[in-house]
Amino acid sequence: MPFPIDEKYVIETESDLNVKFSTEFKNRMMKSNGGELLISDEFQFELYPFFDKSDRKLISRTCNHIGLETKNAREWSGFPENGIAIGSDGYGNQLILTHNGDGNLTDKLYFWNHETRHVEKIAESINKLRVDKNSLWKRIKSKFNL
């Protein structure tokens, strides 16, 4: 269950990863740190939270945080150098944000397939993922042979 988070933990993650998250993404996550993005009945992502160190319970709930999961993903062959992992479908595929080399992450959401190493934009932003869920899922399934 997602919960609010203090901005200081977002800033810590930005510092650790040497990036700046967009205002839209930060605002969404500060209201609801983590949670699910349901794209279809068959396809959903668990959003990684920002690491919340405010108490033991929240440390435990956020131990699979954006910073750690990005560092792990960067060990995989073909993970984009400019990618920040913000979620997973549970099968190794990642939902990522990217930057153009300057560290300023764009709002655009991308799907990274861990088998094909291919990246595809799936939404203009986290708040604009409200697309025809069936057509998006069909497009992803056909593109990545899922």
N, C-alpha and C. Protein backbone atom coordinates (compact mmCIF):
# COMPACT_ATOMS: atom_id res chain seq x y z
N MET A 1 0.83 -1.18 0.00
CA MET A 1 0.00 0.00 0.00
C MET A 1 0.88 1.25 0.00
N PRO A 2 0.71 2.12 -0.99
CA PRO A 2 1.54 3.32 -1.04
C PRO A 2 1.15 4.33 0.03
N PHE A 3 2.08 5.21 0.34
CA PHE A 3 1.89 6.19 1.40
C PHE A 3 2.71 7.42 1.03
N PRO A 4 2.43 8.57 1.63
CA PRO A 4 3.19 9.78 1.33
C PRO A 4 4.64 9.65 1.81
N ILE A 5 5.50 10.47 1.20
CA ILE A 5 6.91 10.49 1.60
C ILE A 5 7.41 11.93 1.63
N ASP A 6 8.33 12.20 2.53
CA ASP A 6 8.93 13.53 2.64
C ASP A 6 9.87 13.77 1.46
N GLU A 7 9.87 14.98 0.95
CA GLU A 7 10.69 15.33 -0.21
C GLU A 7 12.18 15.09 0.03
N LYS A 8 12.63 15.15 1.27
CA LYS A 8 14.06 14.96 1.54
C LYS A 8 14.56 13.59 1.06
N TYR A 9 13.68 12.58 1.06
CA TYR A 9 14.09 11.26 0.60
C TYR A 9 14.16 11.19 -0.92
N VAL A 10 13.35 11.98 -1.58
CA VAL A 10 13.44 12.10 -3.04
C VAL A 10 14.77 12.77 -3.40
N ILE A 11 15.11 13.83 -2.69
CA ILE A 11 16.36 14.56 -2.93
C ILE A 11 17.56 13.66 -2.66
N GLU A 12 17.50 12.83 -1.62
CA GLU A 12 18.59 11.88 -1.35
C GLU A 12 18.79 10.93 -2.52
N THR A 13 17.69 10.42 -3.08
CA THR A 13 17.78 9.51 -4.22
C THR A 13 18.36 10.22 -5.43
N GLU A 14 17.93 11.45 -5.66
CA GLU A 14 18.48 12.23 -6.77
C GLU A 14 19.99 12.38 -6.61
N SER A 15 20.42 12.67 -5.41
CA SER A 15 21.85 12.82 -5.14
C SER A 15 22.60 11.50 -5.35
N ASP A 16 22.04 10.41 -4.85
CA ASP A 16 22.67 9.09 -4.99
C ASP A 16 22.81 8.67 -6.46
N LEU A 17 21.80 8.98 -7.27
CA LEU A 17 21.80 8.55 -8.67
C LEU A 17 22.30 9.64 -9.63
N ASN A 18 22.58 10.83 -9.08
CA ASN A 18 23.06 11.96 -9.87
C ASN A 18 22.07 12.33 -10.98
N VAL A 19 20.79 12.41 -10.60
CA VAL A 19 19.72 12.79 -11.53
C VAL A 19 18.77 13.75 -10.83
N LYS A 20 17.89 14.34 -11.62
CA LYS A 20 16.78 15.15 -11.11
C LYS A 20 15.50 14.59 -11.69
N PHE A 21 14.58 14.20 -10.81
CA PHE A 21 13.27 13.72 -11.25
C PHE A 21 12.41 14.92 -11.64
N SER A 22 11.51 14.71 -12.58
CA SER A 22 10.61 15.79 -12.99
C SER A 22 9.67 16.14 -11.84
N THR A 23 9.18 17.36 -11.87
CA THR A 23 8.24 17.81 -10.84
C THR A 23 6.99 16.93 -10.82
N GLU A 24 6.47 16.58 -11.99
CA GLU A 24 5.27 15.75 -12.05
C GLU A 24 5.48 14.40 -11.37
N PHE A 25 6.62 13.75 -11.67
CA PHE A 25 6.91 12.45 -11.06
C PHE A 25 7.10 12.59 -9.55
N LYS A 26 7.87 13.59 -9.13
CA LYS A 26 8.10 13.80 -7.70
C LYS A 26 6.79 14.03 -6.96
N ASN A 27 5.95 14.89 -7.50
CA ASN A 27 4.68 15.18 -6.83
C ASN A 27 3.81 13.94 -6.70
N ARG A 28 3.76 13.12 -7.75
CA ARG A 28 2.96 11.89 -7.71
C ARG A 28 3.50 10.96 -6.63
N MET A 29 4.81 10.79 -6.61
CA MET A 29 5.41 9.85 -5.67
C MET A 29 5.37 10.37 -4.23
N MET A 30 5.47 11.68 -4.03
CA MET A 30 5.39 12.20 -2.66
C MET A 30 4.00 12.02 -2.08
N LYS A 31 2.98 11.98 -2.92
CA LYS A 31 1.61 11.71 -2.46
C LYS A 31 1.38 10.22 -2.24
N SER A 32 2.01 9.40 -3.08
CA SER A 32 1.77 7.96 -3.06
C SER A 32 3.06 7.26 -3.47
N ASN A 33 3.92 6.98 -2.49
CA ASN A 33 5.25 6.45 -2.73
C ASN A 33 5.20 4.96 -3.08
N GLY A 34 5.28 4.67 -4.37
CA GLY A 34 5.19 3.28 -4.83
C GLY A 34 3.78 2.96 -5.26
N GLY A 35 3.43 1.68 -5.17
CA GLY A 35 2.10 1.24 -5.54
C GLY A 35 2.08 0.55 -6.89
N GLU A 36 0.88 0.34 -7.40
CA GLU A 36 0.71 -0.39 -8.67
C GLU A 36 0.26 0.54 -9.77
N LEU A 37 0.72 0.22 -10.98
CA LEU A 37 0.20 0.82 -12.20
C LEU A 37 -0.43 -0.31 -12.99
N LEU A 38 -1.74 -0.32 -13.04
CA LEU A 38 -2.47 -1.36 -13.75
C LEU A 38 -2.72 -0.91 -15.17
N ILE A 39 -2.14 -1.64 -16.13
CA ILE A 39 -2.30 -1.30 -17.54
C ILE A 39 -3.40 -2.13 -18.18
N SER A 40 -3.53 -3.36 -17.75
CA SER A 40 -4.61 -4.23 -18.20
C SER A 40 -4.80 -5.31 -17.14
N ASP A 41 -5.78 -6.18 -17.34
CA ASP A 41 -5.97 -7.27 -16.38
C ASP A 41 -4.76 -8.18 -16.34
N GLU A 42 -4.02 -8.23 -17.45
CA GLU A 42 -2.86 -9.13 -17.54
C GLU A 42 -1.53 -8.44 -17.26
N PHE A 43 -1.51 -7.12 -17.25
CA PHE A 43 -0.25 -6.40 -17.27
C PHE A 43 -0.26 -5.26 -16.26
N GLN A 44 0.64 -5.35 -15.28
CA GLN A 44 0.75 -4.29 -14.29
C GLN A 44 2.19 -4.15 -13.84
N PHE A 45 2.50 -2.99 -13.31
CA PHE A 45 3.81 -2.71 -12.75
C PHE A 45 3.68 -2.39 -11.28
N GLU A 46 4.64 -2.83 -10.51
CA GLU A 46 4.81 -2.37 -9.14
C GLU A 46 5.81 -1.23 -9.22
N LEU A 47 5.40 -0.06 -8.79
CA LEU A 47 6.33 1.07 -8.76
C LEU A 47 7.27 0.93 -7.58
N TYR A 48 8.55 1.13 -7.84
CA TYR A 48 9.50 1.13 -6.74
C TYR A 48 9.31 2.42 -5.94
N PRO A 49 9.40 2.35 -4.64
CA PRO A 49 9.28 3.56 -3.83
C PRO A 49 10.63 4.28 -3.71
N PHE A 50 10.58 5.48 -3.19
CA PHE A 50 11.80 6.13 -2.72
C PHE A 50 12.08 5.56 -1.34
N PHE A 51 13.35 5.44 -0.98
CA PHE A 51 13.75 4.85 0.29
C PHE A 51 13.40 5.80 1.43
N ASP A 52 12.49 5.37 2.29
CA ASP A 52 12.00 6.17 3.40
C ASP A 52 12.63 5.65 4.69
N LYS A 53 13.52 6.46 5.28
CA LYS A 53 14.25 6.05 6.47
C LYS A 53 13.66 6.61 7.75
N SER A 54 12.40 7.06 7.70
CA SER A 54 11.82 7.76 8.86
C SER A 54 11.53 6.84 10.04
N ASP A 55 11.27 5.55 9.80
CA ASP A 55 11.12 4.60 10.90
C ASP A 55 11.35 3.18 10.38
N ARG A 56 11.45 2.23 11.30
CA ARG A 56 11.79 0.85 10.93
C ARG A 56 10.77 0.23 9.98
N LYS A 57 9.51 0.49 10.21
CA LYS A 57 8.46 -0.08 9.37
C LYS A 57 8.59 0.43 7.93
N LEU A 58 8.83 1.73 7.78
CA LEU A 58 8.95 2.30 6.44
C LEU A 58 10.26 1.90 5.77
N ILE A 59 11.31 1.71 6.54
CA ILE A 59 12.56 1.19 5.97
C ILE A 59 12.30 -0.18 5.35
N SER A 60 11.58 -1.02 6.09
CA SER A 60 11.26 -2.35 5.59
C SER A 60 10.37 -2.30 4.35
N ARG A 61 9.37 -1.42 4.37
CA ARG A 61 8.44 -1.31 3.24
C ARG A 61 9.07 -0.72 1.98
N THR A 62 10.16 0.02 2.13
CA THR A 62 10.75 0.69 0.97
C THR A 62 12.15 0.17 0.64
N CYS A 63 12.48 -1.01 1.13
CA CYS A 63 13.84 -1.54 0.90
C CYS A 63 14.10 -1.89 -0.57
N ASN A 64 13.06 -2.03 -1.37
CA ASN A 64 13.23 -2.27 -2.81
C ASN A 64 13.09 -0.94 -3.56
N HIS A 65 13.83 0.04 -3.13
CA HIS A 65 13.67 1.41 -3.58
C HIS A 65 14.30 1.69 -4.95
N ILE A 66 13.93 2.83 -5.51
CA ILE A 66 14.37 3.23 -6.85
C ILE A 66 15.90 3.20 -6.97
N GLY A 67 16.59 3.71 -5.97
CA GLY A 67 18.06 3.73 -6.02
C GLY A 67 18.65 2.34 -6.10
N LEU A 68 18.23 1.45 -5.24
CA LEU A 68 18.73 0.08 -5.22
C LEU A 68 18.36 -0.67 -6.50
N GLU A 69 17.11 -0.56 -6.91
CA GLU A 69 16.67 -1.29 -8.10
C GLU A 69 17.34 -0.78 -9.36
N THR A 70 17.62 0.51 -9.42
CA THR A 70 18.36 1.05 -10.57
C THR A 70 19.79 0.52 -10.58
N LYS A 71 20.43 0.52 -9.43
CA LYS A 71 21.80 -0.01 -9.35
C LYS A 71 21.83 -1.48 -9.75
N ASN A 72 20.84 -2.25 -9.33
CA ASN A 72 20.77 -3.66 -9.73
C ASN A 72 20.53 -3.79 -11.23
N ALA A 73 19.62 -3.00 -11.78
CA ALA A 73 19.31 -3.08 -13.21
C ALA A 73 20.52 -2.71 -14.06
N ARG A 74 21.33 -1.81 -13.60
CA ARG A 74 22.52 -1.40 -14.36
C ARG A 74 23.55 -2.51 -14.48
N GLU A 75 23.39 -3.55 -13.69
CA GLU A 75 24.27 -4.72 -13.80
C GLU A 75 23.85 -5.63 -14.95
N TRP A 76 22.63 -5.47 -15.45
CA TRP A 76 22.10 -6.32 -16.51
C TRP A 76 22.61 -5.85 -17.86
N SER A 77 22.90 -6.79 -18.70
CA SER A 77 23.32 -6.49 -20.07
C SER A 77 22.20 -5.77 -20.81
N GLY A 78 22.54 -4.65 -21.41
CA GLY A 78 21.59 -3.94 -22.24
C GLY A 78 20.70 -2.94 -21.53
N PHE A 79 20.82 -2.81 -20.20
CA PHE A 79 20.01 -1.80 -19.52
C PHE A 79 20.56 -0.43 -19.91
N PRO A 80 19.68 0.49 -20.29
CA PRO A 80 20.15 1.80 -20.77
C PRO A 80 20.97 2.55 -19.72
N GLU A 81 22.12 3.08 -20.16
CA GLU A 81 22.99 3.83 -19.25
C GLU A 81 22.28 5.04 -18.66
N ASN A 82 21.37 5.62 -19.43
CA ASN A 82 20.65 6.80 -18.96
C ASN A 82 19.30 6.45 -18.33
N GLY A 83 19.10 5.17 -18.01
CA GLY A 83 17.82 4.72 -17.47
C GLY A 83 17.79 4.69 -15.95
N ILE A 84 16.65 5.02 -15.41
CA ILE A 84 16.38 4.92 -13.97
C ILE A 84 15.17 4.00 -13.83
N ALA A 85 15.35 2.88 -13.14
CA ALA A 85 14.27 1.91 -12.96
C ALA A 85 13.30 2.43 -11.91
N ILE A 86 12.02 2.56 -12.32
CA ILE A 86 11.01 3.05 -11.36
C ILE A 86 9.94 2.00 -11.09
N GLY A 87 9.99 0.86 -11.79
CA GLY A 87 8.99 -0.17 -11.55
C GLY A 87 9.32 -1.44 -12.31
N SER A 88 8.64 -2.51 -11.94
CA SER A 88 8.85 -3.82 -12.56
C SER A 88 7.53 -4.53 -12.74
N ASP A 89 7.49 -5.37 -13.78
CA ASP A 89 6.28 -6.19 -13.98
C ASP A 89 6.38 -7.52 -13.25
N GLY A 90 7.45 -7.76 -12.53
CA GLY A 90 7.63 -9.00 -11.80
C GLY A 90 8.30 -10.10 -12.61
N TYR A 91 8.58 -9.82 -13.88
CA TYR A 91 9.22 -10.80 -14.76
C TYR A 91 10.58 -10.32 -15.26
N GLY A 92 11.11 -9.27 -14.66
CA GLY A 92 12.41 -8.74 -15.06
C GLY A 92 12.33 -7.52 -15.96
N ASN A 93 11.17 -7.26 -16.54
CA ASN A 93 11.00 -6.09 -17.38
C ASN A 93 10.84 -4.86 -16.49
N GLN A 94 11.36 -3.74 -16.95
CA GLN A 94 11.38 -2.55 -16.12
C GLN A 94 10.61 -1.40 -16.74
N LEU A 95 10.01 -0.60 -15.89
CA LEU A 95 9.46 0.69 -16.27
C LEU A 95 10.56 1.68 -15.94
N ILE A 96 10.96 2.50 -16.92
CA ILE A 96 12.10 3.38 -16.69
C ILE A 96 11.81 4.82 -17.11
N LEU A 97 12.56 5.72 -16.51
CA LEU A 97 12.66 7.11 -16.92
C LEU A 97 14.07 7.28 -17.48
N THR A 98 14.25 8.24 -18.37
CA THR A 98 15.56 8.48 -18.95
C THR A 98 15.91 9.96 -18.96
N HIS A 99 17.19 10.23 -19.20
CA HIS A 99 17.65 11.61 -19.39
C HIS A 99 18.53 11.64 -20.63
N ASN A 100 18.83 12.84 -21.08
CA ASN A 100 19.61 13.02 -22.32
C ASN A 100 21.08 13.28 -22.04
N GLY A 101 21.59 12.74 -20.94
CA GLY A 101 22.99 12.91 -20.60
C GLY A 101 23.23 14.03 -19.60
N ASP A 102 22.20 14.82 -19.33
CA ASP A 102 22.35 15.95 -18.40
C ASP A 102 21.86 15.63 -16.99
N GLY A 103 21.30 14.45 -16.80
CA GLY A 103 20.80 14.05 -15.49
C GLY A 103 19.38 14.49 -15.19
N ASN A 104 18.80 15.34 -16.05
CA ASN A 104 17.42 15.79 -15.85
C ASN A 104 16.49 14.78 -16.51
N LEU A 105 15.79 14.02 -15.68
CA LEU A 105 14.91 12.98 -16.20
C LEU A 105 13.68 13.59 -16.87
N THR A 106 13.30 13.01 -17.98
CA THR A 106 12.09 13.47 -18.66
C THR A 106 10.88 12.81 -18.00
N ASP A 107 9.70 13.29 -18.35
CA ASP A 107 8.46 12.69 -17.83
C ASP A 107 8.11 11.39 -18.55
N LYS A 108 8.65 11.18 -19.74
CA LYS A 108 8.26 10.04 -20.57
C LYS A 108 8.57 8.71 -19.87
N LEU A 109 7.59 7.80 -19.93
CA LEU A 109 7.76 6.46 -19.36
C LEU A 109 8.12 5.49 -20.46
N TYR A 110 9.09 4.64 -20.17
CA TYR A 110 9.55 3.63 -21.13
C TYR A 110 9.44 2.24 -20.52
N PHE A 111 9.21 1.27 -21.40
CA PHE A 111 9.19 -0.14 -21.05
C PHE A 111 10.50 -0.73 -21.56
N TRP A 112 11.29 -1.34 -20.67
CA TRP A 112 12.53 -2.01 -21.06
C TRP A 112 12.33 -3.51 -20.91
N ASN A 113 12.46 -4.23 -22.02
CA ASN A 113 12.31 -5.68 -22.02
C ASN A 113 13.67 -6.30 -21.72
N HIS A 114 13.75 -7.07 -20.65
CA HIS A 114 15.03 -7.63 -20.23
C HIS A 114 15.53 -8.75 -21.15
N GLU A 115 14.65 -9.35 -21.94
CA GLU A 115 15.07 -10.41 -22.86
C GLU A 115 15.58 -9.85 -24.18
N THR A 116 14.86 -8.89 -24.74
CA THR A 116 15.25 -8.33 -26.04
C THR A 116 16.17 -7.12 -25.89
N ARG A 117 16.22 -6.55 -24.69
CA ARG A 117 17.00 -5.33 -24.41
C ARG A 117 16.45 -4.12 -25.15
N HIS A 118 15.19 -4.21 -25.58
CA HIS A 118 14.57 -3.13 -26.35
C HIS A 118 13.81 -2.19 -25.41
N VAL A 119 13.82 -0.90 -25.75
CA VAL A 119 13.12 0.12 -24.99
C VAL A 119 12.03 0.72 -25.87
N GLU A 120 10.83 0.90 -25.30
CA GLU A 120 9.75 1.54 -26.03
C GLU A 120 9.02 2.51 -25.12
N LYS A 121 8.75 3.70 -25.64
CA LYS A 121 7.97 4.68 -24.89
C LYS A 121 6.53 4.18 -24.79
N ILE A 122 5.98 4.21 -23.57
CA ILE A 122 4.60 3.76 -23.39
C ILE A 122 3.68 4.87 -22.93
N ALA A 123 4.23 6.01 -22.49
CA ALA A 123 3.38 7.12 -22.07
C ALA A 123 4.20 8.40 -22.01
N GLU A 124 3.51 9.51 -22.17
CA GLU A 124 4.16 10.82 -22.08
C GLU A 124 4.57 11.15 -20.64
N SER A 125 3.85 10.59 -19.67
CA SER A 125 4.19 10.80 -18.27
C SER A 125 3.41 9.79 -17.42
N ILE A 126 3.78 9.72 -16.16
CA ILE A 126 3.11 8.80 -15.24
C ILE A 126 1.64 9.16 -15.08
N ASN A 127 1.31 10.43 -15.17
CA ASN A 127 -0.08 10.85 -15.03
C ASN A 127 -0.86 10.73 -16.33
N LYS A 128 -0.17 10.44 -17.42
CA LYS A 128 -0.85 10.29 -18.72
C LYS A 128 -0.83 8.85 -19.19
N LEU A 129 -0.65 7.93 -18.29
CA LEU A 129 -0.66 6.51 -18.63
C LEU A 129 -2.08 6.03 -18.85
N ARG A 130 -3.03 6.89 -18.64
CA ARG A 130 -4.43 6.53 -18.84
C ARG A 130 -4.74 6.50 -20.34
N VAL A 131 -4.29 5.45 -20.96
CA VAL A 131 -4.53 5.24 -22.39
C VAL A 131 -5.46 4.04 -22.53
N ASP A 132 -5.83 3.71 -23.74
CA ASP A 132 -6.63 2.51 -23.96
C ASP A 132 -5.78 1.33 -23.52
N LYS A 133 -6.08 0.80 -22.37
CA LYS A 133 -5.24 -0.23 -21.75
C LYS A 133 -5.12 -1.46 -22.62
N ASN A 134 -6.19 -1.87 -23.27
CA ASN A 134 -6.12 -3.06 -24.10
C ASN A 134 -5.20 -2.86 -25.30
N SER A 135 -5.27 -1.69 -25.94
CA SER A 135 -4.42 -1.47 -27.11
C SER A 135 -2.95 -1.36 -26.71
N LEU A 136 -2.66 -0.73 -25.56
CA LEU A 136 -1.29 -0.63 -25.10
C LEU A 136 -0.74 -2.02 -24.80
N TRP A 137 -1.50 -2.82 -24.08
CA TRP A 137 -1.05 -4.17 -23.75
C TRP A 137 -0.84 -4.99 -25.01
N LYS A 138 -1.74 -4.90 -25.99
CA LYS A 138 -1.58 -5.64 -27.25
C LYS A 138 -0.33 -5.19 -27.98
N ARG A 139 -0.06 -3.88 -27.97
CA ARG A 139 1.13 -3.35 -28.64
C ARG A 139 2.40 -3.88 -27.96
N ILE A 140 2.42 -3.88 -26.64
CA ILE A 140 3.59 -4.37 -25.91
C ILE A 140 3.76 -5.87 -26.15
N LYS A 141 2.67 -6.63 -26.07
CA LYS A 141 2.75 -8.08 -26.28
C LYS A 141 3.30 -8.40 -27.66
N SER A 142 2.81 -7.73 -28.70
CA SER A 142 3.25 -8.05 -30.06
C SER A 142 4.70 -7.59 -30.27
N LYS A 143 5.06 -6.43 -29.74
CA LYS A 143 6.41 -5.90 -29.96
C LYS A 143 7.47 -6.78 -29.27
N PHE A 144 7.14 -7.30 -28.10
CA PHE A 144 8.11 -8.04 -27.32
C PHE A 144 7.85 -9.54 -27.27
N ASN A 145 6.90 -10.00 -28.08
CA ASN A 145 6.57 -11.43 -28.14
C ASN A 145 6.27 -12.02 -26.77
N LEU A 146 5.45 -11.33 -26.02
CA LEU A 146 5.09 -11.82 -24.68
C LEU A 146 3.88 -12.74 -24.74
